[in-house]
Amino acid sequence: MSPVSGLLERRSGAPAPAAGSLALLVREPSRLLDLGEEEWRETAEQLRWEGVLPLVLRRLQRAGRETGGSLSRWADLDRRLARYRAVAEVQERELERVLDLLAPVGVPPVLLKGVDLAYRCYPSPYLRPRADTDLYFEDLAKAEEAQRRLLSAGYESQGAGASADPWDLDNHLDALKAPATGCLVEIHGELLFAARDRRVSRTRCLLQGLEPTTLLGRPARVLAPEANLVYLMAHASGFRTGETFKLLAFADAAQLLERFGGRLSWERVCQLARESGFAGAACEGLLGAAEVFGAAVPGEVLSRLREMGGEKRPPLSPESRVGQEALAQIRHARSPWSAGRIAWQILFPGAAHLREKDPGHAHLPVPLLYLRRWGRQARTLARLARESRGGSKAVHREPGAPAPGARP
C-alpha cells in the first residue's frame, strides 16, 4: 500500500458526507470531545472529506487537554495528526525530487493550490491536505517538456486514454504517479479553462504580477495574493465538476487573508473577479471564509461582488452544471475543427475512460458502456434544459448551513 493512501483520495471521487452543518464544530472544536464514539468517527470522516480535519484537530490540540475528553479520544486525535504529518513528510521529499527533475526546463513552475498554500499560508504544511502537486507553466511547450521529464524519470501516467490534442478538454496533462510513494503531480498549461478554450483570455488577468519565491530551497513562482484568492474560489466553485464549495476552500481563503491581508488590495480583488467572470464564486467563497473561519472580509466587498454576479440566477444542480460546462467547452472552442474534436471525445472516449467513470459496470462490453454513457448524457441535457427554464430543484446552502433533513 502506498504511504500516502487513505488521506489523499481525489475528492471528486469521494462520496458525499452525511448531511449536516460542521461549521459549529469548526468554530468550537472542543465540541468534538463530547461526541460518542460512533458519532466521533462519522464526524471525523466528514471533516476529512471536507479537507479540514487536521486544521480542526490542531486547533483542539492547542486548546489543551483541560478542555475535557477521554484519554482514548485524545489518543485517537494524536494518531490522526501523526498520520497527516507522516504524509506531509513523504510529499515533501517527493516535491523536492519533482522540482529538481524539472529544473532543466529552464522556467520555475508556478505553484498552484495546495502546494502553494501549505507552505506559505498554513502554520505547518501537514495542516493543508492535498491530493496532488499542481504546477503551472505559461508555455504549453514547457508544460509538455515537464511532463516528458517526469515520465522519463519513472512517473506513471494516470490518464485513461490519450486524445488527439491533450489540451482540448482540460487545463492540465494526465496526472503522474510517483513509483515509490504514490504521490501525484499535475502539470498545468492553463489555470481554469481547457487550454484550447477561447475563455482562457478571461483568466489571463490572474497571471499578472507573478511573484518569485523559493520552495524547499528551489526557485518557484506564485500568483499575486489578489489573483490567488480569486483563482482559488473559482476553482473551488466546481464550475467544471459540479461539486459545491467544501470547507477546505473557505479555510484556504481565511488562511490566505490571514497571511497576506495586510497588503491585499480589495479593489484589485473586485477588479480581477469581474474581469475573470468569477465574481459569484469569489462572493460565495469569501462569505464562507468569513462565516465559518472568521476571516476579515469587508461587507462592502461582498456587496460589490454580489452585484457583479453573486446572485444572478438560481443555482443549477451539480449534474446540470457538468452538462452546462461540457456544452460551453464545445461552444468556446477555438475553431470548428477543435469543437468537433471535443464533441467526439465527449461522446466517444476510450474504453479505459469508460470503465474508470462507470466502475460498477466495468465488466460490461464496451458497446453497452457507451449506451450507458449516452443515456446519462441525455438525462443530463434534459435536466439542464428543465432547470434553465426555471424548474431547478437544486438547493443552495449558505456556508455552514445545515442541509435539508440534517439532524440539529
Protein backbone atom coordinates (compact mmCIF):
# COMPACT_ATOMS: atom_id res chain seq x y z
CA MET A 1 0.00 0.00 0.00
CA SER A 2 1.26 3.47 -0.84
CA PRO A 3 2.48 5.54 2.14
CA VAL A 4 0.07 8.29 1.16
CA SER A 5 -3.02 6.17 0.63
CA GLY A 6 -6.11 6.90 2.68
CA LEU A 7 -5.63 10.63 3.17
CA LEU A 8 -5.08 11.65 -0.42
CA GLU A 9 -8.12 10.39 -2.30
CA ARG A 10 -9.21 12.77 -5.01
CA ARG A 11 -12.27 14.48 -3.65
CA SER A 12 -14.06 14.36 -6.99
CA GLY A 13 -14.45 10.62 -6.46
CA ALA A 14 -15.33 10.75 -2.80
CA PRO A 15 -18.86 10.07 -1.56
CA ALA A 16 -20.82 13.00 -0.22
CA PRO A 17 -20.63 13.25 3.57
CA ALA A 18 -23.69 12.84 5.75
CA ALA A 19 -25.91 15.90 5.70
CA GLY A 20 -25.44 18.41 8.46
CA SER A 21 -23.57 21.53 9.42
CA LEU A 22 -19.95 21.23 10.51
CA ALA A 23 -19.44 24.97 10.86
CA LEU A 24 -20.11 24.98 14.61
CA LEU A 25 -17.56 22.21 15.18
CA VAL A 26 -15.02 24.15 13.12
CA ARG A 27 -15.58 27.26 15.22
CA GLU A 28 -15.76 25.37 18.53
CA PRO A 29 -13.68 22.18 18.11
CA SER A 30 -13.96 21.34 21.81
CA ARG A 31 -17.46 20.07 21.00
CA LEU A 32 -15.79 17.10 19.30
CA LEU A 33 -14.81 15.83 22.74
CA ASP A 34 -18.47 15.48 23.71
CA LEU A 35 -19.41 13.21 20.81
CA GLY A 36 -19.99 9.49 21.28
CA GLU A 37 -17.57 7.08 19.63
CA GLU A 38 -19.69 6.34 16.58
CA GLU A 39 -20.63 9.97 16.07
CA TRP A 40 -16.97 10.97 16.53
CA ARG A 41 -15.86 8.59 13.79
CA GLU A 42 -18.59 9.78 11.42
CA THR A 43 -17.80 13.43 12.11
CA ALA A 44 -14.07 12.91 11.71
CA GLU A 45 -14.72 11.29 8.32
CA GLN A 46 -16.88 14.25 7.26
CA LEU A 47 -14.17 16.69 8.30
CA ARG A 48 -11.57 14.60 6.45
CA TRP A 49 -13.69 14.61 3.31
CA GLU A 50 -14.14 18.37 3.64
CA GLY A 51 -10.35 18.72 3.87
CA VAL A 52 -10.17 20.46 7.26
CA LEU A 53 -9.72 17.61 9.74
CA PRO A 54 -6.05 18.31 10.59
CA LEU A 55 -6.70 22.05 10.96
CA VAL A 56 -9.64 21.45 13.32
CA LEU A 57 -7.77 18.81 15.34
CA ARG A 58 -4.74 21.07 15.65
CA ARG A 59 -6.97 23.84 16.99
CA LEU A 60 -8.38 21.40 19.52
CA GLN A 61 -4.92 20.20 20.47
CA ARG A 62 -3.72 23.75 21.05
CA ALA A 63 -6.73 24.43 23.28
CA GLY A 64 -5.28 21.88 25.70
CA ARG A 65 -6.45 18.66 27.30
CA GLU A 66 -8.05 20.55 30.15
CA THR A 67 -10.96 21.14 27.77
CA GLY A 68 -12.08 17.60 28.60
CA GLY A 69 -12.37 14.41 26.64
CA SER A 70 -11.34 10.82 27.34
CA LEU A 71 -7.81 9.50 27.09
CA SER A 72 -8.82 7.30 24.17
CA ARG A 73 -10.27 10.28 22.29
CA TRP A 74 -7.06 12.25 22.71
CA ALA A 75 -5.00 9.24 21.69
CA ASP A 76 -7.07 8.90 18.51
CA LEU A 77 -6.66 12.61 17.82
CA ASP A 78 -2.88 12.32 18.22
CA ARG A 79 -2.75 9.29 15.91
CA ARG A 80 -4.71 11.09 13.21
CA LEU A 81 -2.46 14.16 13.33
CA ALA A 82 0.65 11.97 13.31
CA ARG A 83 -0.57 10.32 10.14
CA TYR A 84 -1.08 13.68 8.44
CA ARG A 85 2.45 14.68 9.46
CA ALA A 86 3.86 11.46 8.04
CA VAL A 87 2.05 12.00 4.74
CA ALA A 88 3.31 15.60 4.53
CA GLU A 89 6.87 14.38 5.05
CA VAL A 90 6.53 11.88 2.20
CA GLN A 91 5.03 14.54 -0.04
CA GLU A 92 7.82 16.97 0.80
CA ARG A 93 10.55 14.52 -0.18
CA GLU A 94 8.71 13.80 -3.42
CA LEU A 95 8.23 17.51 -4.06
CA GLU A 96 11.96 18.11 -3.76
CA ARG A 97 12.55 15.38 -6.34
CA VAL A 98 9.96 16.82 -8.72
CA LEU A 99 11.40 20.33 -8.54
CA ASP A 100 14.91 19.01 -9.14
CA LEU A 101 13.75 16.96 -12.13
CA LEU A 102 12.02 19.99 -13.62
CA ALA A 103 14.90 22.43 -13.11
CA PRO A 104 16.28 21.76 -16.65
CA VAL A 105 13.00 23.04 -18.14
CA GLY A 106 14.53 26.45 -17.53
CA VAL A 107 11.46 28.21 -16.14
CA PRO A 108 10.46 27.95 -12.48
CA PRO A 109 6.95 26.48 -12.21
CA VAL A 110 4.07 28.43 -10.73
CA LEU A 111 2.82 26.73 -7.56
CA LEU A 112 -0.94 26.28 -7.52
CA LYS A 113 -3.49 25.48 -4.82
CA GLY A 114 -2.42 23.13 -2.04
CA VAL A 115 1.32 23.03 -2.64
CA ASP A 116 1.46 26.83 -2.50
CA LEU A 117 -0.93 27.30 0.42
CA ALA A 118 0.57 24.53 2.56
CA TYR A 119 3.97 26.19 2.67
CA ARG A 120 3.10 29.88 2.52
CA CYS A 121 -0.24 30.28 4.28
CA TYR A 122 -0.81 27.45 6.76
CA PRO A 123 1.15 27.24 10.04
CA SER A 124 2.53 23.82 9.00
CA PRO A 125 2.29 22.00 5.65
CA TYR A 126 0.53 18.97 7.13
CA LEU A 127 -2.43 21.14 8.14
CA ARG A 128 -3.34 21.60 4.47
CA PRO A 129 -4.00 18.14 2.96
CA ARG A 130 -3.58 17.85 -0.79
CA ALA A 131 -4.27 15.06 -3.21
CA ASP A 132 -1.54 16.11 -5.62
CA THR A 133 1.04 18.73 -6.54
CA ASP A 134 -0.18 21.25 -9.11
CA LEU A 135 2.46 23.07 -11.14
CA TYR A 136 1.73 25.57 -13.91
CA PHE A 137 3.76 26.66 -16.94
CA GLU A 138 2.54 29.53 -19.14
CA ASP A 139 4.10 27.98 -22.25
CA LEU A 140 2.34 24.77 -23.31
CA ALA A 141 5.59 23.52 -24.83
CA LYS A 142 7.31 23.93 -21.45
CA ALA A 143 4.43 22.12 -19.74
CA GLU A 144 4.76 19.22 -22.17
CA GLU A 145 8.53 19.15 -21.64
CA ALA A 146 7.98 18.99 -17.88
CA GLN A 147 5.57 16.09 -18.40
CA ARG A 148 8.10 14.21 -20.54
CA ARG A 149 10.86 14.69 -17.98
CA LEU A 150 8.76 13.21 -15.21
CA LEU A 151 7.65 10.30 -17.41
CA SER A 152 11.26 9.56 -18.32
CA ALA A 153 12.10 9.56 -14.61
CA GLY A 154 9.63 6.73 -13.98
CA TYR A 155 6.43 8.59 -13.12
CA GLU A 156 3.37 6.72 -14.36
CA SER A 157 0.60 8.39 -16.34
CA GLN A 158 -2.83 8.05 -14.76
CA GLY A 159 -4.65 9.03 -17.93
CA ALA A 160 -7.50 6.86 -19.12
CA GLY A 161 -6.68 7.35 -22.79
CA ALA A 162 -4.76 9.82 -24.92
CA SER A 163 -6.61 12.28 -27.13
CA ALA A 164 -5.53 13.86 -30.39
CA ASP A 165 -4.77 17.07 -28.52
CA PRO A 166 -4.34 16.75 -24.74
CA TRP A 167 -5.32 20.40 -24.25
CA ASP A 168 -8.73 20.15 -25.93
CA LEU A 169 -10.68 19.11 -22.84
CA ASP A 170 -8.53 20.08 -19.90
CA ASN A 171 -6.21 22.66 -18.43
CA HIS A 172 -3.65 20.08 -17.34
CA LEU A 173 -1.97 16.98 -18.71
CA ASP A 174 -2.60 13.49 -17.36
CA ALA A 175 -1.80 13.15 -13.67
CA LEU A 176 1.51 11.41 -12.98
CA LYS A 177 2.09 8.99 -10.11
CA ALA A 178 5.44 8.65 -8.37
CA PRO A 179 6.52 5.00 -8.49
CA ALA A 180 7.79 4.76 -4.92
CA THR A 181 5.40 6.94 -2.93
CA GLY A 182 2.22 7.13 -4.98
CA CYS A 183 2.27 10.93 -4.81
CA LEU A 184 0.52 12.58 -7.75
CA VAL A 185 1.71 15.50 -9.89
CA GLU A 186 -0.34 17.52 -12.36
CA ILE A 187 1.31 19.78 -14.92
CA HIS A 188 -0.99 22.65 -15.89
CA GLY A 189 -0.97 24.72 -19.04
CA GLU A 190 -3.90 26.95 -18.03
CA LEU A 191 -5.44 27.98 -14.73
CA LEU A 192 -9.14 27.16 -15.08
CA PHE A 193 -10.37 26.50 -18.61
CA ALA A 194 -9.08 23.98 -21.11
CA ALA A 195 -6.05 25.33 -22.92
CA ARG A 196 -7.84 25.34 -26.32
CA ASP A 197 -10.87 27.12 -24.86
CA ARG A 198 -11.36 30.72 -26.02
CA ARG A 199 -12.43 31.64 -22.48
CA VAL A 200 -8.82 31.45 -21.30
CA SER A 201 -8.48 35.08 -22.36
CA ARG A 202 -10.76 35.97 -19.43
CA THR A 203 -8.48 34.40 -16.85
CA ARG A 204 -5.14 35.67 -18.16
CA CYS A 205 -5.61 38.66 -15.86
CA LEU A 206 -4.94 36.32 -12.93
CA LEU A 207 -1.39 35.76 -14.22
CA GLN A 208 -0.43 39.41 -13.99
CA GLY A 209 2.22 40.15 -11.40
CA LEU A 210 3.53 36.62 -10.80
CA GLU A 211 5.85 36.72 -7.79
CA PRO A 212 9.15 34.85 -7.41
CA THR A 213 9.59 32.68 -4.33
CA THR A 214 11.58 29.72 -3.08
CA LEU A 215 10.17 26.39 -2.00
CA LEU A 216 12.40 23.97 -0.13
CA GLY A 217 15.39 25.95 -1.39
CA ARG A 218 14.27 25.71 -5.04
CA PRO A 219 13.11 28.65 -7.21
CA ALA A 220 9.41 28.86 -7.97
CA ARG A 221 6.71 31.42 -8.67
CA VAL A 222 3.29 32.13 -7.22
CA LEU A 223 0.18 34.11 -8.10
CA ALA A 224 -0.22 37.56 -6.57
CA PRO A 225 -2.39 37.33 -3.42
CA GLU A 226 -5.40 39.04 -5.01
CA ALA A 227 -5.24 36.80 -8.09
CA ASN A 228 -4.68 33.74 -5.94
CA LEU A 229 -7.78 34.48 -3.89
CA VAL A 230 -10.00 34.77 -6.98
CA TYR A 231 -8.39 31.72 -8.59
CA LEU A 232 -8.88 29.53 -5.52
CA MET A 233 -12.54 30.45 -5.18
CA ALA A 234 -13.16 29.99 -8.90
CA HIS A 235 -11.56 26.56 -8.84
CA ALA A 236 -13.41 25.54 -5.67
CA SER A 237 -16.78 26.61 -7.06
CA GLY A 238 -16.93 23.40 -9.06
CA PHE A 239 -17.96 25.06 -12.31
CA ARG A 240 -16.43 22.11 -14.18
CA THR A 241 -17.06 19.20 -11.82
CA GLY A 242 -20.45 20.16 -10.41
CA GLU A 243 -19.18 19.94 -6.85
CA THR A 244 -20.14 22.64 -4.39
CA PHE A 245 -17.75 24.54 -2.13
CA LYS A 246 -16.12 22.46 0.57
CA LEU A 247 -14.93 23.79 3.89
CA LEU A 248 -11.35 23.48 2.63
CA ALA A 249 -11.97 26.34 0.19
CA PHE A 250 -13.19 28.57 2.99
CA ALA A 251 -10.18 27.59 5.11
CA ASP A 252 -7.84 28.37 2.21
CA ALA A 253 -9.32 31.83 1.77
CA ALA A 254 -9.15 32.51 5.51
CA GLN A 255 -5.53 31.39 5.76
CA LEU A 256 -4.53 33.42 2.71
CA LEU A 257 -6.20 36.52 4.15
CA GLU A 258 -4.50 35.99 7.49
CA ARG A 259 -1.13 35.70 5.75
CA PHE A 260 -1.44 38.49 3.18
CA GLY A 261 -4.38 40.59 4.36
CA GLY A 262 -2.11 43.43 5.38
CA ARG A 263 -1.02 44.06 1.78
CA LEU A 264 -4.12 42.86 -0.01
CA SER A 265 -5.93 45.30 -2.29
CA TRP A 266 -9.67 44.63 -2.14
CA GLU A 267 -10.14 46.93 -5.10
CA ARG A 268 -7.84 44.65 -7.09
CA VAL A 269 -9.74 41.55 -5.88
CA CYS A 270 -13.01 43.00 -7.19
CA GLN A 271 -11.40 44.01 -10.47
CA LEU A 272 -9.96 40.53 -11.09
CA ALA A 273 -13.20 38.83 -10.08
CA ARG A 274 -15.11 40.94 -12.60
CA GLU A 275 -12.59 40.53 -15.44
CA SER A 276 -12.28 36.76 -14.98
CA GLY A 277 -16.05 36.28 -14.74
CA PHE A 278 -15.90 34.64 -11.31
CA ALA A 279 -17.37 37.35 -9.12
CA GLY A 280 -20.10 34.97 -7.93
CA ALA A 281 -17.58 32.34 -6.89
CA ALA A 282 -15.45 34.95 -5.12
CA CYS A 283 -18.52 36.24 -3.28
CA GLU A 284 -19.61 32.80 -2.08
CA GLY A 285 -16.11 31.71 -1.11
CA LEU A 286 -15.33 34.86 0.85
CA LEU A 287 -18.70 34.74 2.58
CA GLY A 288 -17.92 31.19 3.69
CA ALA A 289 -14.44 32.18 4.89
CA ALA A 290 -15.95 34.96 6.98
CA GLU A 291 -18.84 32.98 8.44
CA VAL A 292 -17.07 29.66 9.11
CA PHE A 293 -13.49 30.73 9.85
CA GLY A 294 -13.96 34.33 10.95
CA ALA A 295 -11.96 35.84 8.08
CA ALA A 296 -11.97 39.63 7.94
CA VAL A 297 -13.86 40.39 4.72
CA PRO A 298 -15.30 43.91 4.32
CA GLY A 299 -19.06 43.90 3.87
CA GLU A 300 -18.84 46.38 1.01
CA VAL A 301 -16.60 43.96 -0.88
CA LEU A 302 -19.18 41.20 -0.58
CA SER A 303 -21.89 43.61 -1.74
CA ARG A 304 -19.87 44.63 -4.79
CA LEU A 305 -19.11 41.03 -5.74
CA ARG A 306 -22.75 40.06 -5.28
CA GLU A 307 -23.83 42.88 -7.59
CA MET A 308 -21.30 41.72 -10.20
CA GLY A 309 -22.62 38.20 -10.34
CA GLY A 310 -23.14 36.65 -6.95
CA GLU A 311 -26.88 36.05 -7.24
CA LYS A 312 -27.87 36.41 -10.89
CA ARG A 313 -29.81 33.17 -11.25
CA PRO A 314 -30.95 30.18 -9.22
CA PRO A 315 -28.13 27.64 -8.93
CA LEU A 316 -28.14 24.60 -11.16
CA SER A 317 -27.79 21.10 -9.76
CA PRO A 318 -24.28 19.60 -9.85
CA GLU A 319 -25.27 17.27 -12.70
CA SER A 320 -26.58 20.15 -14.81
CA ARG A 321 -23.51 22.25 -14.14
CA VAL A 322 -21.34 19.50 -15.61
CA GLY A 323 -23.55 19.38 -18.69
CA GLN A 324 -23.52 23.14 -19.00
CA GLU A 325 -19.72 23.25 -18.90
CA ALA A 326 -19.41 20.46 -21.50
CA LEU A 327 -21.59 22.43 -23.90
CA ALA A 328 -19.62 25.58 -23.12
CA GLN A 329 -16.37 23.83 -23.99
CA ILE A 330 -17.75 22.97 -27.42
CA ARG A 331 -19.20 26.44 -27.94
CA HIS A 332 -15.97 28.21 -26.94
CA ALA A 333 -13.59 26.00 -28.92
CA ARG A 334 -11.12 27.96 -31.00
CA SER A 335 -12.25 26.50 -34.33
CA PRO A 336 -14.99 24.29 -35.76
CA TRP A 337 -12.40 21.52 -36.10
CA SER A 338 -11.50 21.82 -32.42
CA ALA A 339 -15.20 21.89 -31.45
CA GLY A 340 -15.72 18.68 -33.42
CA ARG A 341 -12.78 17.00 -31.69
CA ILE A 342 -14.10 17.99 -28.27
CA ALA A 343 -17.61 16.76 -29.04
CA TRP A 344 -16.19 13.48 -30.34
CA GLN A 345 -14.13 12.96 -27.19
CA ILE A 346 -17.14 13.67 -25.00
CA LEU A 347 -19.27 11.18 -26.92
CA PHE A 348 -16.64 8.56 -27.72
CA PRO A 349 -13.92 8.44 -25.04
CA GLY A 350 -11.59 5.46 -24.85
CA ALA A 351 -12.60 2.17 -23.26
CA ALA A 352 -10.32 2.80 -20.27
CA HIS A 353 -12.08 6.09 -19.60
CA LEU A 354 -15.49 4.43 -19.84
CA ARG A 355 -14.54 1.82 -17.27
CA GLU A 356 -12.96 4.39 -14.96
CA LYS A 357 -16.11 6.54 -14.95
CA ASP A 358 -18.50 3.59 -14.59
CA PRO A 359 -16.63 1.22 -12.25
CA GLY A 360 -19.74 -0.63 -11.14
CA HIS A 361 -20.30 -1.82 -14.71
CA ALA A 362 -16.70 -2.03 -15.92
CA HIS A 363 -17.20 -5.72 -16.73
CA LEU A 364 -19.75 -4.94 -19.43
CA PRO A 365 -18.82 -4.92 -23.13
CA VAL A 366 -17.68 -1.54 -24.42
CA PRO A 367 -20.78 -1.01 -26.66
CA LEU A 368 -23.02 -1.32 -23.59
CA LEU A 369 -20.82 1.12 -21.67
CA TYR A 370 -21.25 3.62 -24.50
CA LEU A 371 -25.03 3.18 -24.35
CA ARG A 372 -24.98 3.78 -20.60
CA ARG A 373 -22.83 6.89 -21.08
CA TRP A 374 -25.11 8.32 -23.77
CA GLY A 375 -28.13 7.62 -21.59
CA ARG A 376 -26.58 9.57 -18.72
CA GLN A 377 -25.64 12.41 -21.06
CA ALA A 378 -29.17 12.59 -22.45
CA ARG A 379 -30.63 12.75 -18.94
CA THR A 380 -28.14 15.46 -18.01
CA LEU A 381 -29.07 17.60 -21.01
CA ALA A 382 -32.77 17.14 -20.31
CA ARG A 383 -32.29 18.16 -16.70
CA LEU A 384 -30.18 21.15 -17.74
CA ALA A 385 -32.91 22.30 -20.14
CA ARG A 386 -35.55 21.92 -17.44
CA GLU A 387 -33.56 23.77 -14.79
CA SER A 388 -32.56 26.54 -17.19
CA ARG A 389 -36.26 27.21 -17.76
CA GLY A 390 -36.69 27.75 -14.04
CA GLY A 391 -37.63 24.25 -12.97
CA SER A 392 -34.49 23.64 -10.92
CA LYS A 393 -34.88 21.79 -7.69
CA ALA A 394 -31.27 22.36 -6.79
CA VAL A 395 -30.82 23.53 -3.23
CA HIS A 396 -28.41 26.33 -2.43
CA ARG A 397 -26.90 26.27 1.03
CA GLU A 398 -25.32 29.23 2.68
CA PRO A 399 -21.86 28.42 4.06
CA GLY A 400 -22.17 26.35 7.21
CA ALA A 401 -25.94 25.98 6.99
CA PRO A 402 -27.40 22.53 7.58
CA ALA A 403 -28.66 20.58 4.60
CA PRO A 404 -32.37 19.72 4.38
CA GLY A 405 -33.14 16.82 6.66
CA ALA A 406 -29.98 17.27 8.67
CA ARG A 407 -30.05 16.43 12.31
CA PRO A 408 -29.92 19.51 14.55
